Amino acid sequence: MLLVLLGGALVTKTDSGQGCGQSFPLCHGQIIPDQLEIETIIELSHRVVSAGAGFLVLALSIWSWRAMGHIRETNFLAILAFFFLMLQALLGAGAVVWGHSDIILAAHFGISLISFAAVLLLTLLIFEVDKKFDAYKLVIDRRIKRHTYGLMIYIFAVVYSGAFVRHTEASLACPDWPFCVNASPGDLSLNSIQWIQMGHRMAAAFIFIWIIYVAIIAIKNYKHQKIVYYGWIIALALVTGQVITGALVVVTRLNLLIALSHALIISLLFGLLSYFILLISRSKLNSKKES
């Protein structure tokens, strides 16, 4: 699923979305085109990886359902993983054949992200990670719960804004960082593309500040709960890496490796927050047992 996510980002960042023309599932009407240009190779590889992931996720979903159906989250995660992976594939196919607006295309990465998070949580359940961290004894207070839910929703919106930046080709609309033009930081006479870029930067900066705040709460109050204590420290490290790679994307003028690292880190952060949501659901049960 990480390869699907990164492959989709690679297609977008290399402008390879039309590498197979308007043909789907074939590529230029062939299984393997006669002329293999770099854009064609990237797009075709992404299709092959996505198709392989579809079969693997389907197998994992059915197998998990049958072997672990007694665990309350299994069935929901299995359906979620497969449904959103198929939705992502259909959206990608529709974009190739009929074309879509930037607004619709920007949703592609977010949909894949949901499927990735569901597969990640299934994996954690399969390997019984909860038992290793005594998650079944965990009780989380309302303040952390509210922040986690809020961050999850907000980060998904910021991920969408980042994808919208890429699809509107606004990644380098602002030549400097952190301001659009560092020589005149207070200049508000930006064009629409520059405002899209700066809007994403400001939204991402708020995530950074928000996670710092929640991490401080976790460090002060959850030293006895290692999964919460270290989990939010990891979240802080990931969001710091996200800010750094976001700045380097601009400074290096869209270096491909850094741009893909930017997509990778936000995927890991989203997955971590998804696990926090799972822990919160367990925490509610633990609270009821204690009462």
C-alpha atoms as a PDB file:
ATOM      1  CA  MET A   1       0.000   0.000   0.000  1.00  0.00           C
ATOM      2  CA  LEU A   2       2.932   2.320   0.609  1.00  0.00           C
ATOM      3  CA  LEU A   3       4.105   1.549  -2.926  1.00  0.00           C
ATOM      4  CA  VAL A   4       0.632   2.421  -4.234  1.00  0.00           C
ATOM      5  CA  LEU A   5       0.704   5.730  -2.367  1.00  0.00           C
ATOM      6  CA  LEU A   6       4.218   6.619  -3.485  1.00  0.00           C
ATOM      7  CA  GLY A   7       3.518   5.419  -7.023  1.00  0.00           C
ATOM      8  CA  GLY A   8       0.532   7.730  -7.269  1.00  0.00           C
ATOM      9  CA  ALA A   9       2.638  10.611  -5.960  1.00  0.00           C
ATOM     10  CA  LEU A  10       5.359   9.748  -8.483  1.00  0.00           C
ATOM     11  CA  VAL A  11       2.847   9.773 -11.347  1.00  0.00           C
ATOM     12  CA  THR A  12       1.644  13.223 -10.302  1.00  0.00           C
ATOM     13  CA  LYS A  13       5.071  14.711  -9.637  1.00  0.00           C
ATOM     14  CA  THR A  14       6.485  13.491 -12.968  1.00  0.00           C
ATOM     15  CA  ASP A  15       3.330  14.487 -14.859  1.00  0.00           C
ATOM     16  CA  SER A  16       2.917  10.899 -16.081  1.00  0.00           C
ATOM     17  CA  GLY A  17      -0.853  10.673 -15.716  1.00  0.00           C
ATOM     18  CA  GLN A  18      -1.279  10.487 -19.475  1.00  0.00           C
ATOM     19  CA  GLY A  19       1.681   8.140 -19.931  1.00  0.00           C
ATOM     20  CA  CYS A  20      -0.676   5.493 -21.351  1.00  0.00           C
ATOM     21  CA  GLY A  21      -2.857   7.953 -23.215  1.00  0.00           C
ATOM     22  CA  GLN A  22      -6.617   7.675 -22.625  1.00  0.00           C
ATOM     23  CA  SER A  23      -6.511   3.895 -22.630  1.00  0.00           C
ATOM     24  CA  PHE A  24      -7.480   1.794 -19.579  1.00  0.00           C
ATOM     25  CA  PRO A  25      -6.749  -0.916 -18.468  1.00  0.00           C
ATOM     26  CA  LEU A  26      -4.540  -1.304 -21.525  1.00  0.00           C
ATOM     27  CA  CYS A  27      -1.728   1.144 -22.185  1.00  0.00           C
ATOM     28  CA  HIS A  28      -2.018   2.889 -25.567  1.00  0.00           C
ATOM     29  CA  GLY A  29      -4.347   0.019 -26.508  1.00  0.00           C
ATOM     30  CA  GLN A  30      -1.696  -2.620 -25.779  1.00  0.00           C
ATOM     31  CA  ILE A  31      -0.675  -4.768 -22.827  1.00  0.00           C
ATOM     32  CA  ILE A  32       2.927  -3.598 -23.249  1.00  0.00           C
ATOM     33  CA  PRO A  33       3.263  -0.598 -25.595  1.00  0.00           C
ATOM     34  CA  ASP A  34       5.806  -0.657 -28.408  1.00  0.00           C
ATOM     35  CA  GLN A  35       7.298   2.656 -27.322  1.00  0.00           C
ATOM     36  CA  LEU A  36       8.189   2.754 -23.635  1.00  0.00           C
ATOM     37  CA  GLU A  37       8.894   6.365 -22.740  1.00  0.00           C
ATOM     38  CA  ILE A  38       9.648   7.222 -19.109  1.00  0.00           C
ATOM     39  CA  GLU A  39       6.141   8.605 -18.486  1.00  0.00           C
ATOM     40  CA  THR A  40       4.639   5.422 -19.922  1.00  0.00           C
ATOM     41  CA  ILE A  41       6.833   3.220 -17.723  1.00  0.00           C
ATOM     42  CA  ILE A  42       5.878   5.168 -14.588  1.00  0.00           C
ATOM     43  CA  GLU A  43       2.141   5.115 -15.315  1.00  0.00           C
ATOM     44  CA  LEU A  44       2.139   1.448 -16.349  1.00  0.00           C
ATOM     45  CA  SER A  45       4.162   0.432 -13.286  1.00  0.00           C
ATOM     46  CA  HIS A  46       1.718   2.253 -11.027  1.00  0.00           C
ATOM     47  CA  ARG A  47      -1.188   0.418 -12.632  1.00  0.00           C
ATOM     48  CA  VAL A  48       0.507  -2.962 -12.175  1.00  0.00           C
ATOM     49  CA  VAL A  49       1.368  -2.259  -8.524  1.00  0.00           C
ATOM     50  CA  SER A  50      -2.162  -0.979  -7.810  1.00  0.00           C
ATOM     51  CA  ALA A  51      -3.715  -4.060  -9.427  1.00  0.00           C
ATOM     52  CA  GLY A  52      -1.428  -6.340  -7.416  1.00  0.00           C
ATOM     53  CA  ALA A  53      -2.306  -4.451  -4.239  1.00  0.00           C
ATOM     54  CA  GLY A  54      -5.999  -4.868  -5.039  1.00  0.00           C
ATOM     55  CA  PHE A  55      -5.713  -8.674  -5.130  1.00  0.00           C
ATOM     56  CA  LEU A  56      -3.532  -8.731  -2.004  1.00  0.00           C
ATOM     57  CA  VAL A  57      -5.870  -6.471  -0.025  1.00  0.00           C
ATOM     58  CA  LEU A  58      -8.869  -8.558  -1.123  1.00  0.00           C
ATOM     59  CA  ALA A  59      -7.102 -11.732   0.029  1.00  0.00           C
ATOM     60  CA  LEU A  60      -6.083 -10.083   3.314  1.00  0.00           C
ATOM     61  CA  SER A  61      -9.617  -8.796   3.903  1.00  0.00           C
ATOM     62  CA  ILE A  62     -11.264 -12.203   3.342  1.00  0.00           C
ATOM     63  CA  TRP A  63      -8.605 -14.042   5.339  1.00  0.00           C
ATOM     64  CA  SER A  64      -8.804 -11.577   8.235  1.00  0.00           C
ATOM     65  CA  TRP A  65     -12.590 -11.754   8.214  1.00  0.00           C
ATOM     66  CA  ARG A  66     -12.521 -15.553   8.504  1.00  0.00           C
ATOM     67  CA  ALA A  67      -9.593 -15.920  10.926  1.00  0.00           C
ATOM     68  CA  MET A  68     -10.041 -12.831  13.111  1.00  0.00           C
ATOM     69  CA  GLY A  69     -13.704 -11.956  12.802  1.00  0.00           C
ATOM     70  CA  HIS A  70     -14.071 -12.216  16.573  1.00  0.00           C
ATOM     71  CA  ILE A  71     -11.974  -9.041  16.998  1.00  0.00           C
ATOM     72  CA  ARG A  72     -14.495  -6.224  16.781  1.00  0.00           C
ATOM     73  CA  GLU A  73     -12.543  -3.927  14.422  1.00  0.00           C
ATOM     74  CA  THR A  74     -11.538  -6.600  11.886  1.00  0.00           C
ATOM     75  CA  ASN A  75     -14.611  -6.676   9.655  1.00  0.00           C
ATOM     76  CA  PHE A  76     -14.902  -2.898   9.458  1.00  0.00           C
ATOM     77  CA  LEU A  77     -11.201  -2.467   8.585  1.00  0.00           C
ATOM     78  CA  ALA A  78     -11.315  -5.246   5.998  1.00  0.00           C
ATOM     79  CA  ILE A  79     -14.252  -3.614   4.188  1.00  0.00           C
ATOM     80  CA  LEU A  80     -12.710  -0.155   4.503  1.00  0.00           C
ATOM     81  CA  ALA A  81      -9.344  -1.245   3.073  1.00  0.00           C
ATOM     82  CA  PHE A  82     -10.778  -2.950  -0.009  1.00  0.00           C
ATOM     83  CA  PHE A  83     -13.563  -0.443  -0.706  1.00  0.00           C
ATOM     84  CA  PHE A  84     -11.312   2.616  -0.703  1.00  0.00           C
ATOM     85  CA  LEU A  85      -8.591   0.877  -2.724  1.00  0.00           C
ATOM     86  CA  MET A  86     -11.185   0.054  -5.399  1.00  0.00           C
ATOM     87  CA  LEU A  87     -12.554   3.602  -5.223  1.00  0.00           C
ATOM     88  CA  GLN A  88      -9.023   4.933  -5.718  1.00  0.00           C
ATOM     89  CA  ALA A  89      -8.534   2.655  -8.742  1.00  0.00           C
ATOM     90  CA  LEU A  90     -11.860   3.667 -10.301  1.00  0.00           C
ATOM     91  CA  LEU A  91     -11.112   7.345  -9.757  1.00  0.00           C
ATOM     92  CA  GLY A  92      -7.714   6.910 -11.409  1.00  0.00           C
ATOM     93  CA  ALA A  93      -9.239   5.022 -14.333  1.00  0.00           C
ATOM     94  CA  GLY A  94     -11.910   7.679 -14.767  1.00  0.00           C
ATOM     95  CA  ALA A  95      -9.273  10.418 -14.772  1.00  0.00           C
ATOM     96  CA  VAL A  96      -7.411   8.627 -17.576  1.00  0.00           C
ATOM     97  CA  VAL A  97     -10.432   7.890 -19.783  1.00  0.00           C
ATOM     98  CA  TRP A  98     -12.632  10.949 -19.234  1.00  0.00           C
ATOM     99  CA  GLY A  99     -10.428  13.394 -17.390  1.00  0.00           C
ATOM    100  CA  HIS A 100     -11.343  15.122 -14.155  1.00  0.00           C
ATOM    101  CA  SER A 101     -10.961  18.536 -12.592  1.00  0.00           C
ATOM    102  CA  ASP A 102      -8.087  19.289 -10.231  1.00  0.00           C
ATOM    103  CA  ILE A 103     -10.550  19.232  -7.334  1.00  0.00           C
ATOM    104  CA  ILE A 104     -11.516  15.598  -8.025  1.00  0.00           C
ATOM    105  CA  LEU A 105      -7.974  14.469  -8.807  1.00  0.00           C
ATOM    106  CA  ALA A 106      -6.724  15.874  -5.507  1.00  0.00           C
ATOM    107  CA  ALA A 107      -8.989  13.410  -3.671  1.00  0.00           C
ATOM    108  CA  HIS A 108      -7.093  10.477  -5.211  1.00  0.00           C
ATOM    109  CA  PHE A 109      -4.236  10.512  -2.683  1.00  0.00           C
ATOM    110  CA  GLY A 110      -6.548  10.946   0.300  1.00  0.00           C
ATOM    111  CA  ILE A 111      -8.674   7.961  -0.722  1.00  0.00           C
ATOM    112  CA  SER A 112      -5.548   5.809  -1.048  1.00  0.00           C
ATOM    113  CA  LEU A 113      -4.458   7.052   2.373  1.00  0.00           C
ATOM    114  CA  ILE A 114      -7.625   5.713   4.004  1.00  0.00           C
ATOM    115  CA  SER A 115      -7.063   2.281   2.458  1.00  0.00           C
ATOM    116  CA  PHE A 116      -3.428   2.317   3.595  1.00  0.00           C
ATOM    117  CA  ALA A 117      -4.440   3.194   7.162  1.00  0.00           C
ATOM    118  CA  ALA A 118      -6.999   0.362   7.226  1.00  0.00           C
ATOM    119  CA  VAL A 119      -4.391  -2.168   6.018  1.00  0.00           C
ATOM    120  CA  LEU A 120      -1.916  -0.848   8.605  1.00  0.00           C
ATOM    121  CA  LEU A 121      -4.421  -1.286  11.434  1.00  0.00           C
ATOM    122  CA  LEU A 122      -5.280  -4.789  10.232  1.00  0.00           C
ATOM    123  CA  THR A 123      -1.569  -5.596  10.269  1.00  0.00           C
ATOM    124  CA  LEU A 124      -1.219  -4.313  13.838  1.00  0.00           C
ATOM    125  CA  LEU A 125      -4.166  -6.456  14.911  1.00  0.00           C
ATOM    126  CA  ILE A 126      -2.748  -9.542  13.180  1.00  0.00           C
ATOM    127  CA  PHE A 127       0.606  -9.163  14.917  1.00  0.00           C
ATOM    128  CA  GLU A 128      -1.129  -8.389  18.237  1.00  0.00           C
ATOM    129  CA  VAL A 129       0.757  -5.143  18.757  1.00  0.00           C
ATOM    130  CA  ASP A 130      -1.898  -4.085  21.288  1.00  0.00           C
ATOM    131  CA  LYS A 131      -0.866  -6.855  23.649  1.00  0.00           C
ATOM    132  CA  LYS A 132       2.792  -5.845  23.465  1.00  0.00           C
ATOM    133  CA  PHE A 133       1.942  -2.334  24.653  1.00  0.00           C
ATOM    134  CA  ASP A 134      -0.820  -3.324  27.111  1.00  0.00           C
ATOM    135  CA  ALA A 135      -3.298  -1.343  25.041  1.00  0.00           C
ATOM    136  CA  TYR A 136      -6.164  -3.332  26.546  1.00  0.00           C
ATOM    137  CA  LYS A 137      -5.465  -1.595  29.875  1.00  0.00           C
ATOM    138  CA  LEU A 138      -5.153   1.859  28.361  1.00  0.00           C
ATOM    139  CA  VAL A 139      -7.400   4.712  29.485  1.00  0.00           C
ATOM    140  CA  ILE A 140      -7.098   8.031  27.604  1.00  0.00           C
ATOM    141  CA  ASP A 141      -8.593  11.286  28.886  1.00  0.00           C
ATOM    142  CA  ARG A 142     -11.086  13.366  26.936  1.00  0.00           C
ATOM    143  CA  ARG A 143      -8.610  16.132  26.142  1.00  0.00           C
ATOM    144  CA  ILE A 144      -6.268  13.799  24.213  1.00  0.00           C
ATOM    145  CA  LYS A 145      -9.276  12.173  22.525  1.00  0.00           C
ATOM    146  CA  ARG A 146     -10.620  15.501  21.250  1.00  0.00           C
ATOM    147  CA  HIS A 147      -7.239  16.581  19.953  1.00  0.00           C
ATOM    148  CA  THR A 148      -6.691  13.243  18.205  1.00  0.00           C
ATOM    149  CA  TYR A 149     -10.069  13.327  16.447  1.00  0.00           C
ATOM    150  CA  GLY A 150      -9.564  16.950  15.480  1.00  0.00           C
ATOM    151  CA  LEU A 151      -6.060  16.351  14.158  1.00  0.00           C
ATOM    152  CA  MET A 152      -7.194  13.348  12.132  1.00  0.00           C
ATOM    153  CA  ILE A 153      -9.905  15.328  10.355  1.00  0.00           C
ATOM    154  CA  TYR A 154      -7.721  18.397   9.920  1.00  0.00           C
ATOM    155  CA  ILE A 155      -4.711  16.467   8.576  1.00  0.00           C
ATOM    156  CA  PHE A 156      -6.917  14.771   6.000  1.00  0.00           C
ATOM    157  CA  ALA A 157      -8.036  18.219   4.828  1.00  0.00           C
ATOM    158  CA  VAL A 158      -4.416  19.434   4.680  1.00  0.00           C
ATOM    159  CA  VAL A 159      -3.416  16.308   2.735  1.00  0.00           C
ATOM    160  CA  TYR A 160      -6.129  17.224   0.252  1.00  0.00           C
ATOM    161  CA  SER A 161      -4.803  20.775   0.017  1.00  0.00           C
ATOM    162  CA  GLY A 162      -1.302  19.402  -0.641  1.00  0.00           C
ATOM    163  CA  ALA A 163      -2.617  17.176  -3.421  1.00  0.00           C
ATOM    164  CA  PHE A 164      -4.519  20.162  -4.818  1.00  0.00           C
ATOM    165  CA  VAL A 165      -1.243  22.128  -4.851  1.00  0.00           C
ATOM    166  CA  ARG A 166       0.378  19.393  -6.952  1.00  0.00           C
ATOM    167  CA  HIS A 167      -2.517  18.993  -9.374  1.00  0.00           C
ATOM    168  CA  THR A 168      -2.789  22.756  -9.964  1.00  0.00           C
ATOM    169  CA  GLU A 169       1.005  22.855 -10.524  1.00  0.00           C
ATOM    170  CA  ALA A 170       1.329  25.359  -7.687  1.00  0.00           C
ATOM    171  CA  SER A 171       4.284  23.642  -5.973  1.00  0.00           C
ATOM    172  CA  LEU A 172       6.727  26.324  -7.117  1.00  0.00           C
ATOM    173  CA  ALA A 173       4.263  29.192  -7.384  1.00  0.00           C
ATOM    174  CA  CYS A 174       6.113  30.780  -4.463  1.00  0.00           C
ATOM    175  CA  PRO A 175       9.880  30.854  -5.056  1.00  0.00           C
ATOM    176  CA  ASP A 176      10.872  31.239  -1.373  1.00  0.00           C
ATOM    177  CA  TRP A 177      10.144  29.671   2.016  1.00  0.00           C
ATOM    178  CA  PRO A 178       8.570  30.241   4.539  1.00  0.00           C
ATOM    179  CA  PHE A 179       7.028  33.317   2.875  1.00  0.00           C
ATOM    180  CA  CYS A 180       6.023  33.397  -0.745  1.00  0.00           C
ATOM    181  CA  VAL A 181       8.676  36.071  -1.350  1.00  0.00           C
ATOM    182  CA  ASN A 182      10.995  36.469   1.633  1.00  0.00           C
ATOM    183  CA  ALA A 183      12.047  39.948   0.554  1.00  0.00           C
ATOM    184  CA  SER A 184       8.455  41.177   1.042  1.00  0.00           C
ATOM    185  CA  PRO A 185       6.809  38.893   3.633  1.00  0.00           C
ATOM    186  CA  GLY A 186       3.806  41.173   4.132  1.00  0.00           C
ATOM    187  CA  ASP A 187       2.878  41.343   0.447  1.00  0.00           C
ATOM    188  CA  LEU A 188      -0.730  40.165  -0.005  1.00  0.00           C
ATOM    189  CA  SER A 189      -0.925  40.858  -3.744  1.00  0.00           C
ATOM    190  CA  LEU A 190      -0.529  37.187  -4.642  1.00  0.00           C
ATOM    191  CA  ASN A 191      -2.217  35.484  -7.571  1.00  0.00           C
ATOM    192  CA  SER A 192      -4.646  32.578  -7.081  1.00  0.00           C
ATOM    193  CA  ILE A 193      -1.971  29.894  -7.592  1.00  0.00           C
ATOM    194  CA  GLN A 194       0.309  31.502  -5.007  1.00  0.00           C
ATOM    195  CA  TRP A 195      -2.569  31.697  -2.522  1.00  0.00           C
ATOM    196  CA  ILE A 196      -3.173  27.958  -3.006  1.00  0.00           C
ATOM    197  CA  GLN A 197       0.484  27.315  -2.145  1.00  0.00           C
ATOM    198  CA  MET A 198       0.527  29.678   0.841  1.00  0.00           C
ATOM    199  CA  GLY A 199      -2.808  28.359   2.101  1.00  0.00           C
ATOM    200  CA  HIS A 200      -1.314  24.864   2.225  1.00  0.00           C
ATOM    201  CA  ARG A 201       1.798  26.138   4.021  1.00  0.00           C
ATOM    202  CA  MET A 202      -0.226  27.940   6.672  1.00  0.00           C
ATOM    203  CA  ALA A 203      -2.461  24.913   7.195  1.00  0.00           C
ATOM    204  CA  ALA A 204       0.603  22.659   7.537  1.00  0.00           C
ATOM    205  CA  ALA A 205       2.191  25.092  10.016  1.00  0.00           C
ATOM    206  CA  PHE A 206      -0.912  24.828  12.204  1.00  0.00           C
ATOM    207  CA  ILE A 207      -0.575  21.004  12.223  1.00  0.00           C
ATOM    208  CA  PHE A 208       3.012  21.420  13.436  1.00  0.00           C
ATOM    209  CA  ILE A 209       1.961  23.731  16.287  1.00  0.00           C
ATOM    210  CA  TRP A 210      -1.009  21.557  17.197  1.00  0.00           C
ATOM    211  CA  ILE A 211       1.044  18.344  17.421  1.00  0.00           C
ATOM    212  CA  ILE A 212       3.703  20.102  19.519  1.00  0.00           C
ATOM    213  CA  TYR A 213       0.944  21.086  21.969  1.00  0.00           C
ATOM    214  CA  VAL A 214      -0.543  17.567  22.179  1.00  0.00           C
ATOM    215  CA  ALA A 215       2.932  15.994  22.454  1.00  0.00           C
ATOM    216  CA  ILE A 216       3.692  18.234  25.450  1.00  0.00           C
ATOM    217  CA  ILE A 217       0.460  17.069  27.114  1.00  0.00           C
ATOM    218  CA  ALA A 218       1.327  13.413  26.439  1.00  0.00           C
ATOM    219  CA  ILE A 219       4.909  13.791  27.694  1.00  0.00           C
ATOM    220  CA  LYS A 220       3.746  15.468  30.921  1.00  0.00           C
ATOM    221  CA  ASN A 221       0.835  13.180  31.742  1.00  0.00           C
ATOM    222  CA  TYR A 222       1.399   9.794  30.128  1.00  0.00           C
ATOM    223  CA  LYS A 223       4.858   8.653  31.190  1.00  0.00           C
ATOM    224  CA  HIS A 224       3.214   5.550  32.664  1.00  0.00           C
ATOM    225  CA  GLN A 225       1.497   4.755  29.330  1.00  0.00           C
ATOM    226  CA  LYS A 226       4.354   4.076  26.925  1.00  0.00           C
ATOM    227  CA  ILE A 227       2.223   3.728  23.811  1.00  0.00           C
ATOM    228  CA  VAL A 228       0.785   7.235  24.286  1.00  0.00           C
ATOM    229  CA  TYR A 229       4.038   8.768  25.536  1.00  0.00           C
ATOM    230  CA  TYR A 230       6.277   7.465  22.741  1.00  0.00           C
ATOM    231  CA  GLY A 231       3.505   7.579  20.155  1.00  0.00           C
ATOM    232  CA  TRP A 232       3.163  11.349  20.382  1.00  0.00           C
ATOM    233  CA  ILE A 233       6.942  11.796  20.431  1.00  0.00           C
ATOM    234  CA  ILE A 234       7.044   9.844  17.153  1.00  0.00           C
ATOM    235  CA  ALA A 235       4.186  11.994  15.829  1.00  0.00           C
ATOM    236  CA  LEU A 236       6.197  15.110  16.677  1.00  0.00           C
ATOM    237  CA  ALA A 237       9.269  13.700  14.893  1.00  0.00           C
ATOM    238  CA  LEU A 238       7.194  12.850  11.816  1.00  0.00           C
ATOM    239  CA  VAL A 239       5.519  16.262  11.586  1.00  0.00           C
ATOM    240  CA  THR A 240       8.931  17.925  11.985  1.00  0.00           C
ATOM    241  CA  GLY A 241      10.218  15.829   9.099  1.00  0.00           C
ATOM    242  CA  GLN A 242       7.139  16.797   7.108  1.00  0.00           C
ATOM    243  CA  VAL A 243       7.823  20.511   7.609  1.00  0.00           C
ATOM    244  CA  ILE A 244      11.501  20.109   6.702  1.00  0.00           C
ATOM    245  CA  THR A 245      10.825  18.118   3.520  1.00  0.00           C
ATOM    246  CA  GLY A 246       8.072  20.568   2.563  1.00  0.00           C
ATOM    247  CA  ALA A 247      10.564  23.422   2.780  1.00  0.00           C
ATOM    248  CA  LEU A 248      13.200  21.429   0.871  1.00  0.00           C
ATOM    249  CA  VAL A 249      10.715  20.695  -1.920  1.00  0.00           C
ATOM    250  CA  VAL A 250      10.671  24.446  -2.597  1.00  0.00           C
ATOM    251  CA  VAL A 251      14.384  25.059  -1.960  1.00  0.00           C
ATOM    252  CA  THR A 252      15.503  22.174  -4.205  1.00  0.00           C
ATOM    253  CA  ARG A 253      12.947  23.047  -6.867  1.00  0.00           C
ATOM    254  CA  LEU A 254      10.920  19.819  -6.637  1.00  0.00           C
ATOM    255  CA  ASN A 255      13.706  17.306  -6.083  1.00  0.00           C
ATOM    256  CA  LEU A 256      11.899  14.016  -6.745  1.00  0.00           C
ATOM    257  CA  LEU A 257      13.357  12.053  -3.821  1.00  0.00           C
ATOM    258  CA  ILE A 258      12.490  14.808  -1.332  1.00  0.00           C
ATOM    259  CA  ALA A 259       8.999  15.204  -2.796  1.00  0.00           C
ATOM    260  CA  LEU A 260       8.358  11.467  -2.408  1.00  0.00           C
ATOM    261  CA  SER A 261       9.741  11.598   1.147  1.00  0.00           C
ATOM    262  CA  HIS A 262       7.211  14.361   1.844  1.00  0.00           C
ATOM    263  CA  ALA A 263       4.382  12.054   0.708  1.00  0.00           C
ATOM    264  CA  LEU A 264       5.823   9.116   2.665  1.00  0.00           C
ATOM    265  CA  ILE A 265       6.070  10.998   5.972  1.00  0.00           C
ATOM    266  CA  ILE A 266       2.484  12.278   5.856  1.00  0.00           C
ATOM    267  CA  SER A 267       1.319   8.725   5.102  1.00  0.00           C
ATOM    268  CA  LEU A 268       3.139   7.416   8.172  1.00  0.00           C
ATOM    269  CA  LEU A 269       1.764  10.240  10.323  1.00  0.00           C
ATOM    270  CA  PHE A 270      -1.778   9.539   9.145  1.00  0.00           C
ATOM    271  CA  GLY A 271      -1.271   5.848   9.885  1.00  0.00           C
ATOM    272  CA  LEU A 272      -0.012   6.640  13.387  1.00  0.00           C
ATOM    273  CA  LEU A 273      -3.006   8.861  14.123  1.00  0.00           C
ATOM    274  CA  SER A 274      -5.281   6.101  12.820  1.00  0.00           C
ATOM    275  CA  TYR A 275      -3.741   3.792  15.412  1.00  0.00           C
ATOM    276  CA  PHE A 276      -4.379   6.427  18.077  1.00  0.00           C
ATOM    277  CA  ILE A 277      -8.057   6.377  17.031  1.00  0.00           C
ATOM    278  CA  LEU A 278      -8.072   2.597  17.487  1.00  0.00           C
ATOM    279  CA  LEU A 279      -6.518   3.001  20.943  1.00  0.00           C
ATOM    280  CA  ILE A 280      -9.165   5.566  21.857  1.00  0.00           C
ATOM    281  CA  SER A 281     -11.920   3.114  20.918  1.00  0.00           C
ATOM    282  CA  ARG A 282     -10.264   0.535  23.174  1.00  0.00           C
ATOM    283  CA  SER A 283      -9.917   3.154  25.896  1.00  0.00           C
ATOM    284  CA  LYS A 284     -13.695   3.708  25.899  1.00  0.00           C
ATOM    285  CA  LEU A 285     -14.245   0.019  26.540  1.00  0.00           C
ATOM    286  CA  ASN A 286     -11.661   0.027  29.318  1.00  0.00           C
ATOM    287  CA  SER A 287     -13.352   3.014  30.953  1.00  0.00           C
ATOM    288  CA  LYS A 288     -16.698   1.182  30.946  1.00  0.00           C
ATOM    289  CA  LYS A 289     -15.092  -1.890  32.499  1.00  0.00           C
ATOM    290  CA  GLU A 290     -13.554   0.201  35.272  1.00  0.00           C
ATOM    291  CA  SER A 291     -16.854   1.927  36.015  1.00  0.00           C
END
